Amino acid sequence: MNQLFLLNLQIGRGQNREMPSHLAGAFVAVYVAAANHEAALVQGVAQIQARDYEFIDLADGKVHQLDPLRWDEYVAGVWPEFREHFPSQAEVMAGLASPDWVCFGPFAAYEPSVPN
């Protein structure tokens, strides 16, 4: 069975049409079911690119492994105001059996910087 990983990604708008045109990109937490850290990074970036976003960076430079048995506790502690946005513990556990399961946290978008 796969393990659960968190990638904090910085993405650019790329060719994606869902992101409002005045925004340049976003930071997003990407949760991935994968065999290991490297596979999680490859899959997370591929899922972002499949949605026509541009991958810019692994924002904090780390691939974090999470305990899927503590998912509900994790969401309550990290994303209390967005609990309804995330899958349930049972959905995460079922997702670990999938070869391409991914879940996106809320997107924290940013506008282009203006030179001084």
C-alpha atoms as a PDB file:
ATOM      1  CA  MET A   1       0.000   0.000   0.000  1.00  0.00           C
ATOM      2  CA  ASN A   2       1.097   3.556  -0.662  1.00  0.00           C
ATOM      3  CA  GLN A   3       2.096   6.062   1.974  1.00  0.00           C
ATOM      4  CA  LEU A   4       0.717   9.582   2.401  1.00  0.00           C
ATOM      5  CA  PHE A   5       2.871  12.590   1.546  1.00  0.00           C
ATOM      6  CA  LEU A   6       2.510  16.368   1.625  1.00  0.00           C
ATOM      7  CA  LEU A   7       4.160  18.669  -0.918  1.00  0.00           C
ATOM      8  CA  ASN A   8       4.030  22.440  -0.393  1.00  0.00           C
ATOM      9  CA  LEU A   9       4.274  23.664  -3.972  1.00  0.00           C
ATOM     10  CA  GLN A  10       4.644  27.056  -5.570  1.00  0.00           C
ATOM     11  CA  ILE A  11       2.911  27.061  -8.921  1.00  0.00           C
ATOM     12  CA  GLY A  12       2.477  29.520 -11.763  1.00  0.00           C
ATOM     13  CA  ARG A  13      -0.758  30.057 -13.636  1.00  0.00           C
ATOM     14  CA  GLY A  14       0.651  28.384 -16.766  1.00  0.00           C
ATOM     15  CA  GLN A  15      -2.157  27.721 -19.257  1.00  0.00           C
ATOM     16  CA  ASN A  16      -4.727  27.026 -16.528  1.00  0.00           C
ATOM     17  CA  ARG A  17      -7.983  28.899 -17.085  1.00  0.00           C
ATOM     18  CA  GLU A  18      -9.501  28.373 -13.628  1.00  0.00           C
ATOM     19  CA  MET A  19      -7.108  30.810 -11.963  1.00  0.00           C
ATOM     20  CA  PRO A  20      -8.278  34.420 -12.415  1.00  0.00           C
ATOM     21  CA  SER A  21      -6.196  36.204 -15.043  1.00  0.00           C
ATOM     22  CA  HIS A  22      -4.915  38.913 -12.673  1.00  0.00           C
ATOM     23  CA  LEU A  23      -3.136  36.303 -10.526  1.00  0.00           C
ATOM     24  CA  ALA A  24       0.398  35.087 -11.260  1.00  0.00           C
ATOM     25  CA  GLY A  25       0.397  31.873  -9.259  1.00  0.00           C
ATOM     26  CA  ALA A  26      -0.240  30.244  -5.912  1.00  0.00           C
ATOM     27  CA  PHE A  27       1.099  28.212  -3.076  1.00  0.00           C
ATOM     28  CA  VAL A  28      -0.780  24.954  -2.561  1.00  0.00           C
ATOM     29  CA  ALA A  29      -0.509  21.937  -0.299  1.00  0.00           C
ATOM     30  CA  VAL A  30      -0.670  18.780  -2.414  1.00  0.00           C
ATOM     31  CA  TYR A  31      -1.397  15.472  -0.677  1.00  0.00           C
ATOM     32  CA  VAL A  32      -0.244  12.415  -2.598  1.00  0.00           C
ATOM     33  CA  ALA A  33      -0.477   8.643  -2.158  1.00  0.00           C
ATOM     34  CA  ALA A  34       2.820   7.172  -3.347  1.00  0.00           C
ATOM     35  CA  ALA A  35       5.344   4.438  -2.612  1.00  0.00           C
ATOM     36  CA  ASN A  36       8.087   6.828  -1.471  1.00  0.00           C
ATOM     37  CA  HIS A  37       9.156  10.483  -1.236  1.00  0.00           C
ATOM     38  CA  GLU A  38      10.562  10.627  -4.762  1.00  0.00           C
ATOM     39  CA  ALA A  39       7.484   9.052  -6.340  1.00  0.00           C
ATOM     40  CA  ALA A  40       5.302  11.486  -4.375  1.00  0.00           C
ATOM     41  CA  LEU A  41       7.168  14.480  -5.783  1.00  0.00           C
ATOM     42  CA  VAL A  42       7.017  13.160  -9.345  1.00  0.00           C
ATOM     43  CA  GLN A  43       3.296  12.412  -9.048  1.00  0.00           C
ATOM     44  CA  GLY A  44       2.428  15.700  -7.346  1.00  0.00           C
ATOM     45  CA  VAL A  45       4.209  17.755  -9.999  1.00  0.00           C
ATOM     46  CA  ALA A  46       2.618  15.669 -12.775  1.00  0.00           C
ATOM     47  CA  GLN A  47      -0.860  16.249 -11.299  1.00  0.00           C
ATOM     48  CA  ILE A  48      -0.260  20.025 -11.159  1.00  0.00           C
ATOM     49  CA  GLN A  49       1.026  20.064 -14.741  1.00  0.00           C
ATOM     50  CA  ALA A  50      -1.916  17.925 -15.910  1.00  0.00           C
ATOM     51  CA  ARG A  51      -4.155  20.772 -14.728  1.00  0.00           C
ATOM     52  CA  ASP A  52      -2.119  23.201 -16.883  1.00  0.00           C
ATOM     53  CA  TYR A  53      -0.361  24.936 -13.994  1.00  0.00           C
ATOM     54  CA  GLU A  54       3.366  25.582 -14.092  1.00  0.00           C
ATOM     55  CA  PHE A  55       5.442  23.925 -11.375  1.00  0.00           C
ATOM     56  CA  ILE A  56       7.832  26.523  -9.931  1.00  0.00           C
ATOM     57  CA  ASP A  57       9.255  25.083  -6.723  1.00  0.00           C
ATOM     58  CA  LEU A  58       8.922  22.776  -3.769  1.00  0.00           C
ATOM     59  CA  ALA A  59       8.298  25.784  -1.531  1.00  0.00           C
ATOM     60  CA  ASP A  60       9.801  24.490   1.717  1.00  0.00           C
ATOM     61  CA  GLY A  61      12.283  22.135   0.044  1.00  0.00           C
ATOM     62  CA  LYS A  62      10.818  19.031   1.709  1.00  0.00           C
ATOM     63  CA  VAL A  63       8.518  16.119   0.956  1.00  0.00           C
ATOM     64  CA  HIS A  64       6.662  15.443   4.206  1.00  0.00           C
ATOM     65  CA  GLN A  65       5.348  12.017   5.165  1.00  0.00           C
ATOM     66  CA  LEU A  66       2.057  12.036   7.076  1.00  0.00           C
ATOM     67  CA  ASP A  67       0.363   9.364   9.149  1.00  0.00           C
ATOM     68  CA  PRO A  68      -2.845   8.517   7.260  1.00  0.00           C
ATOM     69  CA  LEU A  69      -4.362   7.073  10.440  1.00  0.00           C
ATOM     70  CA  ARG A  70      -4.228  10.575  11.941  1.00  0.00           C
ATOM     71  CA  TRP A  71      -5.618  12.407   8.907  1.00  0.00           C
ATOM     72  CA  ASP A  72      -8.723  13.797  10.635  1.00  0.00           C
ATOM     73  CA  GLU A  73      -6.570  15.039  13.506  1.00  0.00           C
ATOM     74  CA  TYR A  74      -4.113  16.594  11.037  1.00  0.00           C
ATOM     75  CA  VAL A  75      -6.834  18.460   9.132  1.00  0.00           C
ATOM     76  CA  ALA A  76      -8.437  19.690  12.365  1.00  0.00           C
ATOM     77  CA  GLY A  77      -5.097  21.051  13.560  1.00  0.00           C
ATOM     78  CA  VAL A  78      -3.734  22.512  10.322  1.00  0.00           C
ATOM     79  CA  TRP A  79      -6.851  23.453   8.337  1.00  0.00           C
ATOM     80  CA  PRO A  80      -9.672  23.883  10.912  1.00  0.00           C
ATOM     81  CA  GLU A  81     -11.478  26.497   8.811  1.00  0.00           C
ATOM     82  CA  PHE A  82     -11.366  24.280   5.688  1.00  0.00           C
ATOM     83  CA  ARG A  83     -12.359  20.887   7.126  1.00  0.00           C
ATOM     84  CA  GLU A  84     -15.194  20.474   4.600  1.00  0.00           C
ATOM     85  CA  HIS A  85     -12.736  20.999   1.736  1.00  0.00           C
ATOM     86  CA  PHE A  86     -10.772  17.841   2.552  1.00  0.00           C
ATOM     87  CA  PRO A  87     -11.609  14.156   2.106  1.00  0.00           C
ATOM     88  CA  SER A  88     -12.571  12.094   5.128  1.00  0.00           C
ATOM     89  CA  GLN A  89     -10.233   9.697   6.892  1.00  0.00           C
ATOM     90  CA  ALA A  90     -11.979   6.785   5.130  1.00  0.00           C
ATOM     91  CA  GLU A  91     -11.539   8.448   1.720  1.00  0.00           C
ATOM     92  CA  VAL A  92      -7.835   9.009   2.374  1.00  0.00           C
ATOM     93  CA  MET A  93      -7.360   5.395   3.447  1.00  0.00           C
ATOM     94  CA  ALA A  94      -9.150   4.209   0.295  1.00  0.00           C
ATOM     95  CA  GLY A  95      -7.034   6.611  -1.778  1.00  0.00           C
ATOM     96  CA  LEU A  96      -3.826   4.997  -0.554  1.00  0.00           C
ATOM     97  CA  ALA A  97      -4.717   1.942  -2.637  1.00  0.00           C
ATOM     98  CA  SER A  98      -4.966   4.055  -5.793  1.00  0.00           C
ATOM     99  CA  PRO A  99      -1.892   4.526  -7.998  1.00  0.00           C
ATOM    100  CA  ASP A 100      -2.677   8.200  -8.663  1.00  0.00           C
ATOM    101  CA  TRP A 101      -4.633   9.556  -5.673  1.00  0.00           C
ATOM    102  CA  VAL A 102      -4.079  13.239  -4.985  1.00  0.00           C
ATOM    103  CA  CYS A 103      -5.823  15.930  -2.967  1.00  0.00           C
ATOM    104  CA  PHE A 104      -5.226  19.674  -3.139  1.00  0.00           C
ATOM    105  CA  GLY A 105      -5.455  22.016  -0.187  1.00  0.00           C
ATOM    106  CA  PRO A 106      -6.718  25.567  -0.622  1.00  0.00           C
ATOM    107  CA  PHE A 107      -4.758  27.643  -3.125  1.00  0.00           C
ATOM    108  CA  ALA A 108      -3.103  30.769  -1.674  1.00  0.00           C
ATOM    109  CA  ALA A 109      -2.864  32.877  -4.822  1.00  0.00           C
ATOM    110  CA  TYR A 110      -0.636  35.865  -5.433  1.00  0.00           C
ATOM    111  CA  GLU A 111      -0.520  38.706  -7.934  1.00  0.00           C
ATOM    112  CA  PRO A 112       2.479  39.565 -10.115  1.00  0.00           C
ATOM    113  CA  SER A 113       5.069  41.682  -8.346  1.00  0.00           C
ATOM    114  CA  VAL A 114       5.353  45.253  -9.540  1.00  0.00           C
ATOM    115  CA  PRO A 115       8.909  46.575  -9.996  1.00  0.00           C
ATOM    116  CA  ASN A 116       9.742  49.705  -7.993  1.00  0.00           C
END
